[in-house]
Amino acid sequence: MLHRRRRLVLATIGAFIVYFFVLPKSRIEVPSHVIQEEPASGEPVDEFPRWNFSAVTLSPGSNYTRTLVIPRLTSENVSWIAEELPDLDTAIYVVNDPNAPLHPPKNKGNEAMVYLTYIIDHYESLPDIMIFMHAHRFSWHNNDILGNDAVQMIKRLSSEHVMRQGYVNLRCHWKPGCPDWLQPKAQEEDIVKQEQLMLKQSWPELFPLDPLPTVLAQPCCSQFALTRERVLSVPKPRFVYFRDWLLRTPLSTYISGRIWEYIWQFIFTGQTVVCPVMHICYCDAYGVCFNGEREFNKWFKLRYERSQLVFMEKSRQLSNKMAKDPKAKGLIDGPAGFDYPDVGEDSDLKDLGDKIRAIRDELQTMIDTAIERGRYPRNRALAAGREWKEGDGF
């Protein structure tokens, strides 16, 4: 019994030392445009200790060192990086080739294993900014207005914005992920969020001193930018511990990777929910500044209308093609001598085409105008609600 009490006392003292001397404790001021949404249940979002961080920015016009960190399979083509971004430093890890110059200790946990490995290996020599992304150039989870193109996201990403924020999720769109994607205290399995129940078990292993949160949310899908200062605000042994957990957990690569997809923001901001306002994200991070949220929403409404018209156009073209087919004609009950229209000759089809082209042109004009507006740093500052004076730059 005496030995048991002694072990308990030593464990308590150890936890006290770790909590107060190893883990950073001070709070970060969260920018006003970062929404701390309440979950659908109406329960308040838990408060947690935040890491010790202060923004570091250089004078306007300064150059920041940037490195692109990419996990890839041997089968994936990443030539787009050298072709489109020849001056960008890279760290490309081949996850399924242990003989590659850069490779993780194990291909597990999706991109999380590579991200953690890069941080551990370069902790003492980090660039100003790290951009963590997937190997494919085009993907649905890249930003729509930038053509779902990773190249455009990297080129347009504001280094100054990243330096101010410390941690920036590269995806502006909320779905999926925001405002209350994971609810770790849920009791029933959600087939769409299989990681939710597993997170409930994994949380105390990853964060033994932090209570289980009510909600974890940020835009998907594990692509983000970090500053050196933000990484260094977390002691290196913690990253080693996180990677060891990933190496040893019995959870599958799919589940463990999905868990990490929604805890990066907690590690690097101390916040459980980080869902920036979408049009502000586009403006301050990428310089695509719509004239407020209403115009931003109008762009997506128009794009949806265009997609519906395109579907109608294709359906009509198919109908006309079938009507011209002699085999199909016998199935159509029409007057004798009916003149089946050629594809594209139907007046309704022409009207559809005209409407589609008009909306396409309007969408492009709105983007061009938003990009022009974003060329001026004052406009970005106004959109983000931050102070700006002449000469401040972006």
Protein backbone atom coordinates (compact mmCIF):
# COMPACT_ATOMS: atom_id res chain seq x y z
CA MET A 1 0.00 0.00 0.00
CA LEU A 2 2.87 2.36 0.87
CA HIS A 3 4.56 1.73 -2.47
CA ARG A 4 1.27 2.34 -4.26
CA ARG A 5 0.82 5.69 -2.52
CA ARG A 6 4.41 6.64 -3.33
CA ARG A 7 3.85 5.87 -7.02
CA LEU A 8 0.67 7.94 -6.98
CA VAL A 9 2.47 10.91 -5.40
CA LEU A 10 5.34 10.68 -7.90
CA ALA A 11 2.89 10.47 -10.81
CA THR A 12 1.05 13.55 -9.54
CA ILE A 13 4.28 15.51 -9.18
CA GLY A 14 5.34 14.42 -12.68
CA ALA A 15 2.06 15.56 -14.19
CA PHE A 16 2.39 18.89 -12.35
CA ILE A 17 5.89 19.46 -13.78
CA VAL A 18 4.82 18.58 -17.32
CA TYR A 19 1.72 20.72 -17.17
CA PHE A 20 3.34 23.85 -15.76
CA PHE A 21 6.87 23.70 -17.16
CA VAL A 22 6.74 21.71 -20.40
CA LEU A 23 3.37 22.52 -21.91
CA PRO A 24 2.91 26.16 -23.00
CA LYS A 25 0.12 27.86 -21.11
CA SER A 26 -0.54 31.43 -22.20
CA ARG A 27 -3.52 32.29 -24.35
CA ILE A 28 -3.56 33.50 -27.93
CA GLU A 29 -5.81 36.34 -28.95
CA VAL A 30 -8.10 34.89 -31.62
CA PRO A 31 -8.76 37.26 -34.56
CA SER A 32 -12.33 38.52 -34.67
CA HIS A 33 -13.01 36.86 -38.03
CA VAL A 34 -12.24 33.38 -36.67
CA ILE A 35 -15.62 32.04 -35.69
CA GLN A 36 -15.95 30.04 -32.50
CA GLU A 37 -19.23 28.40 -33.42
CA GLU A 38 -21.44 26.64 -30.91
CA PRO A 39 -22.42 23.10 -31.88
CA ALA A 40 -25.89 22.30 -33.12
CA SER A 41 -26.82 20.94 -29.69
CA GLY A 42 -26.44 24.42 -28.22
CA GLU A 43 -23.77 23.31 -25.75
CA PRO A 44 -20.91 25.80 -25.39
CA VAL A 45 -17.54 24.95 -26.87
CA ASP A 46 -15.03 23.90 -24.21
CA GLU A 47 -12.28 26.30 -23.21
CA PHE A 48 -8.71 25.01 -23.29
CA PRO A 49 -5.28 26.36 -22.45
CA ARG A 50 -3.68 27.86 -25.55
CA TRP A 51 -0.08 27.70 -26.56
CA ASN A 52 2.44 30.48 -26.09
CA PHE A 53 2.64 32.40 -29.35
CA SER A 54 3.28 35.93 -30.54
CA ALA A 55 3.12 36.99 -34.19
CA VAL A 56 6.39 37.84 -35.91
CA THR A 57 6.30 39.91 -39.08
CA LEU A 58 9.04 41.64 -40.99
CA SER A 59 8.82 45.06 -42.61
CA PRO A 60 6.50 45.41 -45.65
CA GLY A 61 8.01 43.91 -48.79
CA SER A 62 10.22 41.47 -46.90
CA ASN A 63 10.78 38.00 -48.28
CA TYR A 64 9.89 34.99 -46.16
CA THR A 65 11.48 31.59 -46.61
CA ARG A 66 8.88 28.97 -47.53
CA THR A 67 9.04 25.20 -47.84
CA LEU A 68 6.38 22.96 -49.36
CA VAL A 69 6.03 19.63 -47.52
CA ILE A 70 4.40 16.88 -49.56
CA PRO A 71 3.74 13.17 -48.90
CA ARG A 72 3.52 11.07 -52.05
CA LEU A 73 3.29 7.51 -53.28
CA THR A 74 5.73 6.23 -55.90
CA SER A 75 2.77 6.07 -58.29
CA GLU A 76 1.89 9.76 -57.87
CA ASN A 77 3.19 12.34 -60.32
CA VAL A 78 4.42 15.51 -58.63
CA SER A 79 6.19 17.03 -61.64
CA TRP A 80 3.75 19.96 -61.41
CA ILE A 81 5.72 21.27 -58.44
CA ALA A 82 9.03 21.70 -60.28
CA GLU A 83 7.29 22.88 -63.45
CA GLU A 84 5.03 25.49 -61.87
CA LEU A 85 6.93 26.38 -58.68
CA PRO A 86 10.62 26.08 -59.64
CA ASP A 87 11.88 28.51 -56.98
CA LEU A 88 10.00 26.97 -54.06
CA ASP A 89 11.94 24.84 -51.57
CA THR A 90 10.37 21.43 -51.14
CA ALA A 91 10.47 18.40 -48.87
CA ILE A 92 8.78 15.57 -50.76
CA TYR A 93 8.51 12.35 -48.77
CA VAL A 94 7.91 9.07 -50.60
CA VAL A 95 5.79 7.16 -48.12
CA ASN A 96 6.06 3.69 -49.68
CA ASP A 97 9.76 3.68 -50.59
CA PRO A 98 12.12 3.19 -47.62
CA ASN A 99 15.08 3.82 -49.92
CA ALA A 100 13.92 7.27 -51.00
CA PRO A 101 16.04 10.21 -49.78
CA LEU A 102 13.05 11.43 -47.77
CA HIS A 103 10.67 8.87 -46.31
CA PRO A 104 8.74 8.46 -43.05
CA PRO A 105 9.52 5.66 -40.58
CA LYS A 106 6.26 3.97 -41.59
CA ASN A 107 3.48 4.51 -44.11
CA LYS A 108 0.69 4.99 -41.61
CA GLY A 109 -1.76 7.72 -40.63
CA ASN A 110 -1.91 9.25 -44.11
CA GLU A 111 -0.24 12.66 -44.37
CA ALA A 112 0.05 13.07 -40.57
CA MET A 113 3.09 10.77 -40.41
CA VAL A 114 4.99 12.86 -42.96
CA TYR A 115 4.00 16.19 -41.44
CA LEU A 116 5.17 15.13 -37.99
CA THR A 117 8.36 13.59 -39.39
CA TYR A 118 9.26 16.80 -41.20
CA ILE A 119 8.73 18.88 -38.05
CA ILE A 120 10.81 16.50 -35.93
CA ASP A 121 13.65 16.25 -38.46
CA HIS A 122 13.82 20.01 -39.10
CA TYR A 123 12.80 21.41 -35.71
CA GLU A 124 16.12 23.23 -35.27
CA SER A 125 16.26 24.59 -38.86
CA LEU A 126 12.72 25.45 -39.88
CA PRO A 127 11.92 28.01 -42.60
CA ASP A 128 9.76 31.03 -41.84
CA ILE A 129 6.71 29.31 -43.33
CA MET A 130 5.86 25.67 -44.00
CA ILE A 131 3.08 24.70 -46.42
CA PHE A 132 1.75 21.19 -45.85
CA MET A 133 -0.21 19.81 -48.81
CA HIS A 134 -1.15 16.64 -50.67
CA ALA A 135 0.61 15.37 -53.78
CA HIS A 136 -2.18 15.96 -56.30
CA ARG A 137 -2.41 19.32 -58.01
CA PHE A 138 -6.14 19.34 -58.68
CA SER A 139 -8.63 18.11 -56.10
CA TRP A 140 -12.19 18.81 -54.95
CA HIS A 141 -10.91 19.87 -51.53
CA ASN A 142 -8.73 22.64 -52.94
CA ASN A 143 -10.34 26.07 -53.10
CA ASP A 144 -13.11 26.28 -55.72
CA ILE A 145 -12.59 29.88 -56.75
CA LEU A 146 -8.92 29.16 -57.42
CA GLY A 147 -9.86 26.38 -59.82
CA ASN A 148 -9.26 23.64 -57.24
CA ASP A 149 -5.61 24.17 -58.19
CA ALA A 150 -2.86 23.68 -55.60
CA VAL A 151 -0.49 25.81 -57.70
CA GLN A 152 -2.79 28.82 -57.51
CA MET A 153 -3.28 28.30 -53.78
CA ILE A 154 0.47 28.27 -53.15
CA LYS A 155 1.23 31.20 -55.45
CA ARG A 156 -1.53 33.38 -54.04
CA LEU A 157 -1.09 32.44 -50.37
CA SER A 158 -0.12 35.59 -48.46
CA SER A 159 3.00 35.05 -46.37
CA GLU A 160 2.04 38.06 -44.27
CA HIS A 161 -1.33 36.50 -43.49
CA VAL A 162 0.33 33.26 -42.43
CA MET A 163 2.81 35.13 -40.25
CA ARG A 164 -0.02 36.99 -38.52
CA GLN A 165 -2.08 33.88 -37.91
CA GLY A 166 0.64 31.32 -37.18
CA TYR A 167 -1.60 28.49 -38.35
CA VAL A 168 -3.72 28.76 -41.51
CA ASN A 169 -5.99 26.04 -42.86
CA LEU A 170 -5.54 26.36 -46.63
CA ARG A 171 -9.17 25.48 -47.38
CA CYS A 172 -11.61 28.37 -47.09
CA HIS A 173 -14.82 26.37 -47.56
CA TRP A 174 -16.56 25.05 -44.50
CA LYS A 175 -18.01 21.87 -45.93
CA PRO A 176 -16.99 19.37 -44.79
CA GLY A 177 -15.57 20.22 -41.40
CA CYS A 178 -17.38 23.27 -40.04
CA PRO A 179 -18.98 24.41 -37.86
CA ASP A 180 -19.31 21.29 -35.66
CA TRP A 181 -18.01 18.30 -37.60
CA LEU A 182 -16.80 15.97 -34.84
CA GLN A 183 -18.61 15.57 -31.54
CA PRO A 184 -16.37 13.26 -29.53
CA LYS A 185 -18.88 12.87 -26.71
CA ALA A 186 -21.44 11.28 -29.05
CA GLN A 187 -22.60 7.84 -27.94
CA GLU A 188 -23.68 6.36 -31.28
CA GLU A 189 -21.58 5.55 -34.32
CA ASP A 190 -21.83 7.86 -37.33
CA ILE A 191 -21.02 5.95 -40.51
CA VAL A 192 -19.89 9.18 -42.21
CA LYS A 193 -17.59 10.03 -39.30
CA GLN A 194 -16.18 6.69 -38.26
CA GLU A 195 -13.31 8.42 -36.48
CA GLN A 196 -15.69 10.13 -34.04
CA LEU A 197 -16.03 7.28 -31.54
CA MET A 198 -12.37 6.33 -31.95
CA LEU A 199 -11.37 9.90 -31.14
CA LYS A 200 -13.15 9.57 -27.82
CA GLN A 201 -10.78 6.73 -26.95
CA SER A 202 -7.68 8.33 -28.48
CA TRP A 203 -8.01 11.80 -26.99
CA PRO A 204 -6.75 10.95 -23.47
CA GLU A 205 -3.80 9.14 -25.05
CA LEU A 206 -2.85 12.17 -27.14
CA PHE A 207 -3.83 14.91 -24.66
CA PRO A 208 -3.88 13.35 -21.19
CA LEU A 209 -4.13 16.72 -19.43
CA ASP A 210 -6.94 18.16 -21.55
CA PRO A 211 -10.62 17.25 -21.13
CA LEU A 212 -12.48 15.66 -24.01
CA PRO A 213 -13.90 18.52 -26.13
CA THR A 214 -17.55 18.84 -27.04
CA VAL A 215 -16.74 19.73 -30.64
CA LEU A 216 -13.73 19.57 -32.95
CA ALA A 217 -14.06 21.41 -36.23
CA GLN A 218 -12.09 23.04 -39.01
CA PRO A 219 -12.34 22.85 -42.81
CA CYS A 220 -11.11 19.50 -44.08
CA CYS A 221 -8.62 18.04 -45.35
CA SER A 222 -5.24 18.33 -43.60
CA GLN A 223 -3.68 21.04 -45.75
CA PHE A 224 -2.33 24.02 -43.84
CA ALA A 225 0.48 26.54 -43.43
CA LEU A 226 2.54 27.10 -40.28
CA THR A 227 5.11 29.59 -39.11
CA ARG A 228 8.37 28.59 -37.48
CA GLU A 229 7.35 30.46 -34.32
CA ARG A 230 4.11 28.53 -34.07
CA VAL A 231 5.89 25.19 -34.40
CA LEU A 232 8.54 26.17 -31.86
CA SER A 233 5.81 27.13 -29.39
CA VAL A 234 5.22 23.39 -28.99
CA PRO A 235 8.16 21.49 -27.44
CA LYS A 236 9.81 19.01 -29.80
CA PRO A 237 9.24 16.03 -27.44
CA ARG A 238 5.51 16.48 -27.94
CA PHE A 239 5.85 15.96 -31.69
CA VAL A 240 7.96 12.87 -31.04
CA TYR A 241 5.26 11.62 -28.68
CA PHE A 242 2.53 12.29 -31.26
CA ARG A 243 4.43 10.37 -33.93
CA ASP A 244 5.13 7.48 -31.55
CA TRP A 245 1.41 7.31 -30.85
CA LEU A 246 0.72 7.15 -34.58
CA LEU A 247 3.31 4.39 -35.03
CA ARG A 248 1.94 2.28 -32.19
CA THR A 249 -1.82 2.79 -32.31
CA PRO A 250 -3.79 -0.29 -33.41
CA LEU A 251 -6.13 2.02 -35.34
CA SER A 252 -6.05 1.72 -39.12
CA THR A 253 -4.31 4.26 -41.33
CA TYR A 254 -7.72 5.52 -42.43
CA ILE A 255 -9.08 6.11 -38.93
CA SER A 256 -5.86 7.44 -37.39
CA GLY A 257 -5.39 9.79 -40.34
CA ARG A 258 -8.95 11.06 -40.05
CA ILE A 259 -8.46 11.72 -36.34
CA TRP A 260 -5.43 13.87 -37.08
CA GLU A 261 -7.35 15.77 -39.73
CA TYR A 262 -9.35 17.46 -36.97
CA ILE A 263 -6.78 17.95 -34.22
CA TRP A 264 -4.11 19.99 -36.03
CA GLN A 265 -5.92 23.22 -35.13
CA PHE A 266 -5.96 22.24 -31.46
CA ILE A 267 -2.23 21.52 -31.43
CA PHE A 268 -1.29 24.77 -33.15
CA THR A 269 -3.91 27.19 -31.80
CA GLY A 270 -5.29 25.61 -28.65
CA GLN A 271 -8.76 26.06 -30.18
CA THR A 272 -11.14 23.18 -30.74
CA VAL A 273 -13.09 25.05 -33.44
CA VAL A 274 -11.32 27.16 -36.07
CA CYS A 275 -13.71 28.12 -38.87
CA PRO A 276 -12.70 31.43 -40.51
CA VAL A 277 -15.40 33.34 -42.37
CA MET A 278 -15.12 32.06 -45.93
CA HIS A 279 -15.04 35.28 -47.92
CA ILE A 280 -12.51 36.79 -45.48
CA CYS A 281 -10.33 33.70 -45.85
CA TYR A 282 -10.31 34.15 -49.63
CA CYS A 283 -9.55 37.85 -49.30
CA ASP A 284 -6.89 38.07 -46.60
CA ALA A 285 -5.19 34.76 -47.37
CA TYR A 286 -5.38 34.72 -51.18
CA GLY A 287 -6.21 38.26 -52.30
CA VAL A 288 -9.57 37.33 -53.84
CA CYS A 289 -11.76 40.00 -52.26
CA PHE A 290 -15.45 39.97 -53.04
CA ASN A 291 -17.46 42.99 -52.00
CA GLY A 292 -18.68 41.37 -48.81
CA GLU A 293 -20.37 38.10 -47.96
CA ARG A 294 -23.45 38.77 -50.08
CA GLU A 295 -21.45 39.03 -53.30
CA PHE A 296 -19.41 35.97 -52.31
CA ASN A 297 -22.62 33.96 -51.86
CA LYS A 298 -23.99 35.33 -55.13
CA TRP A 299 -20.99 33.87 -56.98
CA PHE A 300 -21.75 30.38 -55.70
CA LYS A 301 -25.46 30.77 -56.39
CA LEU A 302 -24.70 31.72 -59.99
CA ARG A 303 -22.30 28.83 -60.36
CA TYR A 304 -24.99 26.44 -59.11
CA GLU A 305 -27.49 27.89 -61.60
CA ARG A 306 -24.96 27.41 -64.38
CA SER A 307 -24.39 23.77 -63.40
CA GLN A 308 -28.14 23.14 -63.55
CA LEU A 309 -28.37 24.74 -67.00
CA VAL A 310 -25.41 22.68 -68.23
CA PHE A 311 -27.19 19.53 -67.06
CA MET A 312 -30.35 20.59 -68.89
CA GLU A 313 -28.33 21.34 -72.03
CA LYS A 314 -26.68 17.93 -72.03
CA SER A 315 -30.03 16.22 -71.42
CA ARG A 316 -31.59 18.09 -74.34
CA GLN A 317 -28.67 17.25 -76.61
CA LEU A 318 -29.03 13.58 -75.72
CA SER A 319 -32.77 13.73 -76.35
CA ASN A 320 -32.20 15.29 -79.77
CA LYS A 321 -29.59 12.70 -80.62
CA MET A 322 -31.99 9.90 -79.75
CA ALA A 323 -34.72 11.57 -81.79
CA LYS A 324 -32.50 11.50 -84.88
CA ASP A 325 -31.71 7.82 -84.42
CA PRO A 326 -33.99 5.76 -86.74
CA LYS A 327 -34.30 3.10 -84.07
CA ALA A 328 -35.36 5.69 -81.52
CA LYS A 329 -37.86 7.35 -83.86
CA GLY A 330 -40.15 4.36 -83.73
CA LEU A 331 -40.44 4.81 -79.98
CA ILE A 332 -41.57 8.41 -80.28
CA ASP A 333 -45.26 9.04 -80.80
CA GLY A 334 -45.40 12.13 -83.01
CA PRO A 335 -47.30 13.41 -86.06
CA ALA A 336 -46.48 11.99 -89.49
CA GLY A 337 -43.69 13.82 -91.24
CA PHE A 338 -42.33 15.26 -87.97
CA ASP A 339 -38.98 16.96 -88.62
CA TYR A 340 -36.67 15.82 -85.84
CA PRO A 341 -34.29 18.69 -84.92
CA ASP A 342 -30.55 18.35 -85.31
CA VAL A 343 -28.38 18.65 -82.24
CA GLY A 344 -27.96 22.33 -81.45
CA GLU A 345 -30.70 23.49 -83.83
CA ASP A 346 -33.43 23.44 -81.21
CA SER A 347 -34.28 27.06 -80.30
CA ASP A 348 -34.60 26.12 -76.63
CA LEU A 349 -31.17 24.52 -76.77
CA LYS A 350 -29.72 27.70 -78.22
CA ASP A 351 -31.31 29.75 -75.44
CA LEU A 352 -29.78 27.42 -72.87
CA GLY A 353 -26.36 27.85 -74.43
CA ASP A 354 -26.70 31.63 -74.40
CA LYS A 355 -27.68 31.63 -70.72
CA ILE A 356 -24.77 29.34 -69.82
CA ARG A 357 -22.26 31.57 -71.58
CA ALA A 358 -23.72 34.71 -69.99
CA ILE A 359 -23.42 33.25 -66.48
CA ARG A 360 -19.92 31.95 -67.22
CA ASP A 361 -18.84 35.44 -68.26
CA GLU A 362 -20.44 37.00 -65.19
CA LEU A 363 -18.69 34.52 -62.89
CA GLN A 364 -15.32 35.28 -64.46
CA THR A 365 -15.92 39.03 -64.27
CA MET A 366 -16.73 38.73 -60.57
CA ILE A 367 -13.50 36.80 -59.95
CA ASP A 368 -11.43 39.27 -61.98
CA THR A 369 -12.93 42.15 -60.02
CA ALA A 370 -12.32 40.37 -56.70
CA ILE A 371 -8.67 39.74 -57.61
CA GLU A 372 -8.21 43.36 -58.63
CA ARG A 373 -9.74 44.49 -55.33
CA GLY A 374 -7.38 42.15 -53.48
CA ARG A 375 -4.32 43.78 -55.05
CA TYR A 376 -4.63 46.57 -52.51
CA PRO A 377 -3.57 45.69 -48.95
CA ARG A 378 -5.98 48.20 -47.46
CA ASN A 379 -8.93 46.28 -48.92
CA ARG A 380 -7.70 43.05 -47.39
CA ALA A 381 -7.29 44.70 -44.00
CA LEU A 382 -10.79 46.19 -44.15
CA ALA A 383 -12.30 42.81 -45.03
CA ALA A 384 -10.48 41.14 -42.13
CA GLY A 385 -11.36 43.91 -39.69
CA ARG A 386 -7.77 44.66 -38.76
CA GLU A 387 -6.00 47.99 -38.46
CA TRP A 388 -4.04 49.25 -41.44
CA LYS A 389 -2.13 52.41 -42.24
CA GLU A 390 -0.39 53.59 -45.38
CA GLY A 391 2.80 51.63 -45.98
CA ASP A 392 1.75 48.60 -43.93
CA GLY A 393 1.68 46.28 -46.93
CA PHE A 394 -0.30 43.07 -46.84
